[in-house]
């Protein structure tokens, strides 16, 4: 096969490849948004302590305040809860998978939602 034929063959494979399902596209877009963030923001894995909750912020300086979290809806996504806790969403997902979640969850159509009141209690240290 000549280089031109190989290139045409590859181009044909790419042009005729099926599109991934919408949920995969959404995940890929989320990953792209993550990698567009500064490195310090992507690697904030510190767990909050009681003293952090007293100050109203998680260890991640970009995390929401305790008052902001109190105004959230009754349940939030795992990534949003992870931001409040100052851990990565993949770390929180791993804890959930192992049954070691520090917050209460509601399973919903194969996904998990974090109960905001549980998140607030954890950050308050009670």
C-alpha atoms as a PDB file:
ATOM      1  CA  UNK A   1       0.000   0.000   0.000  1.00  0.00           C
ATOM      2  CA  UNK A   2       1.444   3.366  -0.969  1.00  0.00           C
ATOM      3  CA  UNK A   3       1.503   6.258   1.495  1.00  0.00           C
ATOM      4  CA  UNK A   4      -1.233   7.994  -0.497  1.00  0.00           C
ATOM      5  CA  UNK A   5      -3.445   4.902  -0.391  1.00  0.00           C
ATOM      6  CA  UNK A   6      -2.817   4.516   3.346  1.00  0.00           C
ATOM      7  CA  UNK A   7      -3.749   8.151   3.957  1.00  0.00           C
ATOM      8  CA  UNK A   8      -6.916   7.772   1.857  1.00  0.00           C
ATOM      9  CA  UNK A   9      -7.807   4.597   3.769  1.00  0.00           C
ATOM     10  CA  UNK A  10      -7.334   6.303   7.148  1.00  0.00           C
ATOM     11  CA  UNK A  11      -9.314   9.349   6.016  1.00  0.00           C
ATOM     12  CA  UNK A  12     -12.127   7.006   4.876  1.00  0.00           C
ATOM     13  CA  UNK A  13     -12.128   5.252   8.280  1.00  0.00           C
ATOM     14  CA  UNK A  14     -12.270   8.573  10.118  1.00  0.00           C
ATOM     15  CA  UNK A  15     -15.012   9.998   7.885  1.00  0.00           C
ATOM     16  CA  UNK A  16     -17.188   6.904   8.299  1.00  0.00           C
ATOM     17  CA  UNK A  17     -16.595   6.324  12.012  1.00  0.00           C
ATOM     18  CA  UNK A  18     -19.807   6.353  14.062  1.00  0.00           C
ATOM     19  CA  UNK A  19     -20.338   9.255  16.457  1.00  0.00           C
ATOM     20  CA  UNK A  20     -20.069   8.441  20.153  1.00  0.00           C
ATOM     21  CA  UNK A  21     -23.274   8.548  22.226  1.00  0.00           C
ATOM     22  CA  UNK A  22     -24.295  11.979  23.574  1.00  0.00           C
ATOM     23  CA  UNK A  23     -23.315  11.114  27.166  1.00  0.00           C
ATOM     24  CA  UNK A  24     -19.756  10.339  26.008  1.00  0.00           C
ATOM     25  CA  UNK A  25     -19.617  13.619  24.116  1.00  0.00           C
ATOM     26  CA  UNK A  26     -20.743  15.430  27.281  1.00  0.00           C
ATOM     27  CA  UNK A  27     -18.014  13.666  29.296  1.00  0.00           C
ATOM     28  CA  UNK A  28     -15.379  14.605  26.717  1.00  0.00           C
ATOM     29  CA  UNK A  29     -16.501  18.241  26.764  1.00  0.00           C
ATOM     30  CA  UNK A  30     -16.301  18.214  30.573  1.00  0.00           C
ATOM     31  CA  UNK A  31     -12.760  16.821  30.387  1.00  0.00           C
ATOM     32  CA  UNK A  32     -11.782  19.499  27.896  1.00  0.00           C
ATOM     33  CA  UNK A  33     -13.180  22.196  30.203  1.00  0.00           C
ATOM     34  CA  UNK A  34     -11.198  20.659  33.069  1.00  0.00           C
ATOM     35  CA  UNK A  35      -7.939  20.770  31.129  1.00  0.00           C
ATOM     36  CA  UNK A  36      -8.556  24.403  30.187  1.00  0.00           C
ATOM     37  CA  UNK A  37      -8.397  25.305  33.896  1.00  0.00           C
ATOM     38  CA  UNK A  38      -5.100  26.262  35.555  1.00  0.00           C
ATOM     39  CA  UNK A  39      -3.115  23.340  36.972  1.00  0.00           C
ATOM     40  CA  UNK A  40      -3.537  24.472  40.587  1.00  0.00           C
ATOM     41  CA  UNK A  41      -7.304  24.337  40.179  1.00  0.00           C
ATOM     42  CA  UNK A  42      -7.215  20.840  38.659  1.00  0.00           C
ATOM     43  CA  UNK A  43      -5.056  19.381  41.421  1.00  0.00           C
ATOM     44  CA  UNK A  44      -6.772  20.722  44.546  1.00  0.00           C
ATOM     45  CA  UNK A  45      -7.199  17.415  46.408  1.00  0.00           C
ATOM     46  CA  UNK A  46      -7.084  18.640  50.001  1.00  0.00           C
ATOM     47  CA  UNK A  47      -9.842  17.400  52.300  1.00  0.00           C
ATOM     48  CA  UNK A  48     -11.635  20.018  54.382  1.00  0.00           C
ATOM     49  CA  UNK A  49     -11.129  20.153  58.132  1.00  0.00           C
ATOM     50  CA  UNK A  50     -13.339  21.480  60.908  1.00  0.00           C
ATOM     51  CA  UNK A  51     -11.258  24.671  61.059  1.00  0.00           C
ATOM     52  CA  UNK A  52     -11.832  25.212  57.338  1.00  0.00           C
ATOM     53  CA  UNK A  53     -15.561  24.890  57.895  1.00  0.00           C
ATOM     54  CA  UNK A  54     -15.326  27.458  60.692  1.00  0.00           C
ATOM     55  CA  UNK A  55     -13.745  29.849  58.228  1.00  0.00           C
ATOM     56  CA  UNK A  56     -16.578  29.152  55.796  1.00  0.00           C
ATOM     57  CA  UNK A  57     -14.375  27.809  52.993  1.00  0.00           C
ATOM     58  CA  UNK A  58     -13.061  24.463  51.940  1.00  0.00           C
ATOM     59  CA  UNK A  59      -9.280  24.045  51.556  1.00  0.00           C
ATOM     60  CA  UNK A  60      -9.556  24.833  47.864  1.00  0.00           C
ATOM     61  CA  UNK A  61      -9.367  28.616  47.692  1.00  0.00           C
ATOM     62  CA  UNK A  62     -11.738  28.550  44.729  1.00  0.00           C
ATOM     63  CA  UNK A  63     -14.355  26.516  46.581  1.00  0.00           C
ATOM     64  CA  UNK A  64     -17.741  27.897  47.531  1.00  0.00           C
ATOM     65  CA  UNK A  65     -18.372  29.369  50.966  1.00  0.00           C
ATOM     66  CA  UNK A  66     -20.535  27.547  53.481  1.00  0.00           C
ATOM     67  CA  UNK A  67     -23.260  30.176  53.000  1.00  0.00           C
ATOM     68  CA  UNK A  68     -23.191  29.571  49.235  1.00  0.00           C
ATOM     69  CA  UNK A  69     -23.503  25.819  49.789  1.00  0.00           C
ATOM     70  CA  UNK A  70     -26.484  26.344  52.093  1.00  0.00           C
ATOM     71  CA  UNK A  71     -28.276  28.128  49.224  1.00  0.00           C
ATOM     72  CA  UNK A  72     -27.749  25.185  46.810  1.00  0.00           C
ATOM     73  CA  UNK A  73     -30.680  22.936  45.799  1.00  0.00           C
ATOM     74  CA  UNK A  74     -31.581  19.892  47.934  1.00  0.00           C
ATOM     75  CA  UNK A  75     -29.250  17.669  45.882  1.00  0.00           C
ATOM     76  CA  UNK A  76     -26.196  18.483  43.792  1.00  0.00           C
ATOM     77  CA  UNK A  77     -23.955  16.627  41.362  1.00  0.00           C
ATOM     78  CA  UNK A  78     -20.908  14.724  42.578  1.00  0.00           C
ATOM     79  CA  UNK A  79     -18.497  17.149  40.837  1.00  0.00           C
ATOM     80  CA  UNK A  80     -20.153  20.154  42.501  1.00  0.00           C
ATOM     81  CA  UNK A  81     -19.981  18.443  45.916  1.00  0.00           C
ATOM     82  CA  UNK A  82     -16.339  17.562  45.283  1.00  0.00           C
ATOM     83  CA  UNK A  83     -15.596  21.235  44.635  1.00  0.00           C
ATOM     84  CA  UNK A  84     -17.161  22.118  47.984  1.00  0.00           C
ATOM     85  CA  UNK A  85     -15.107  19.423  49.719  1.00  0.00           C
ATOM     86  CA  UNK A  86     -11.882  20.503  48.024  1.00  0.00           C
ATOM     87  CA  UNK A  87     -11.313  17.112  46.380  1.00  0.00           C
ATOM     88  CA  UNK A  88     -11.391  16.044  42.760  1.00  0.00           C
ATOM     89  CA  UNK A  89     -14.622  14.608  41.417  1.00  0.00           C
ATOM     90  CA  UNK A  90     -12.772  11.406  40.466  1.00  0.00           C
ATOM     91  CA  UNK A  91     -11.646  11.006  44.097  1.00  0.00           C
ATOM     92  CA  UNK A  92     -15.196  11.474  45.374  1.00  0.00           C
ATOM     93  CA  UNK A  93     -16.492   9.043  42.740  1.00  0.00           C
ATOM     94  CA  UNK A  94     -13.887   6.490  43.899  1.00  0.00           C
ATOM     95  CA  UNK A  95     -15.008   6.905  47.515  1.00  0.00           C
ATOM     96  CA  UNK A  96     -18.623   6.413  46.452  1.00  0.00           C
ATOM     97  CA  UNK A  97     -17.730   3.295  44.479  1.00  0.00           C
ATOM     98  CA  UNK A  98     -15.940   1.840  47.535  1.00  0.00           C
ATOM     99  CA  UNK A  99     -18.891   2.696  49.773  1.00  0.00           C
ATOM    100  CA  UNK A 100     -16.805   5.224  51.750  1.00  0.00           C
ATOM    101  CA  UNK A 101     -18.628   8.407  50.782  1.00  0.00           C
ATOM    102  CA  UNK A 102     -18.364  11.097  53.463  1.00  0.00           C
ATOM    103  CA  UNK A 103     -21.768  12.492  52.411  1.00  0.00           C
ATOM    104  CA  UNK A 104     -25.228  10.967  51.945  1.00  0.00           C
ATOM    105  CA  UNK A 105     -26.240  10.103  48.402  1.00  0.00           C
ATOM    106  CA  UNK A 106     -29.376   9.562  46.368  1.00  0.00           C
ATOM    107  CA  UNK A 107     -28.958   7.057  43.522  1.00  0.00           C
ATOM    108  CA  UNK A 108     -30.746   8.356  40.442  1.00  0.00           C
ATOM    109  CA  UNK A 109     -30.837   6.508  37.087  1.00  0.00           C
ATOM    110  CA  UNK A 110     -27.377   5.009  37.483  1.00  0.00           C
ATOM    111  CA  UNK A 111     -25.913   8.249  38.839  1.00  0.00           C
ATOM    112  CA  UNK A 112     -25.545   9.671  42.305  1.00  0.00           C
ATOM    113  CA  UNK A 113     -26.735  12.993  43.685  1.00  0.00           C
ATOM    114  CA  UNK A 114     -25.268  14.373  46.897  1.00  0.00           C
ATOM    115  CA  UNK A 115     -27.706  15.573  49.571  1.00  0.00           C
ATOM    116  CA  UNK A 116     -26.759  19.194  50.248  1.00  0.00           C
ATOM    117  CA  UNK A 117     -27.768  19.053  53.932  1.00  0.00           C
ATOM    118  CA  UNK A 118     -25.320  16.166  54.432  1.00  0.00           C
ATOM    119  CA  UNK A 119     -22.600  18.205  52.737  1.00  0.00           C
ATOM    120  CA  UNK A 120     -23.312  21.203  54.975  1.00  0.00           C
ATOM    121  CA  UNK A 121     -23.227  19.019  58.121  1.00  0.00           C
ATOM    122  CA  UNK A 122     -19.875  17.568  57.105  1.00  0.00           C
ATOM    123  CA  UNK A 123     -18.361  20.984  56.424  1.00  0.00           C
ATOM    124  CA  UNK A 124     -19.737  22.376  59.696  1.00  0.00           C
ATOM    125  CA  UNK A 125     -17.949  19.569  61.493  1.00  0.00           C
ATOM    126  CA  UNK A 126     -21.044  18.206  63.250  1.00  0.00           C
END
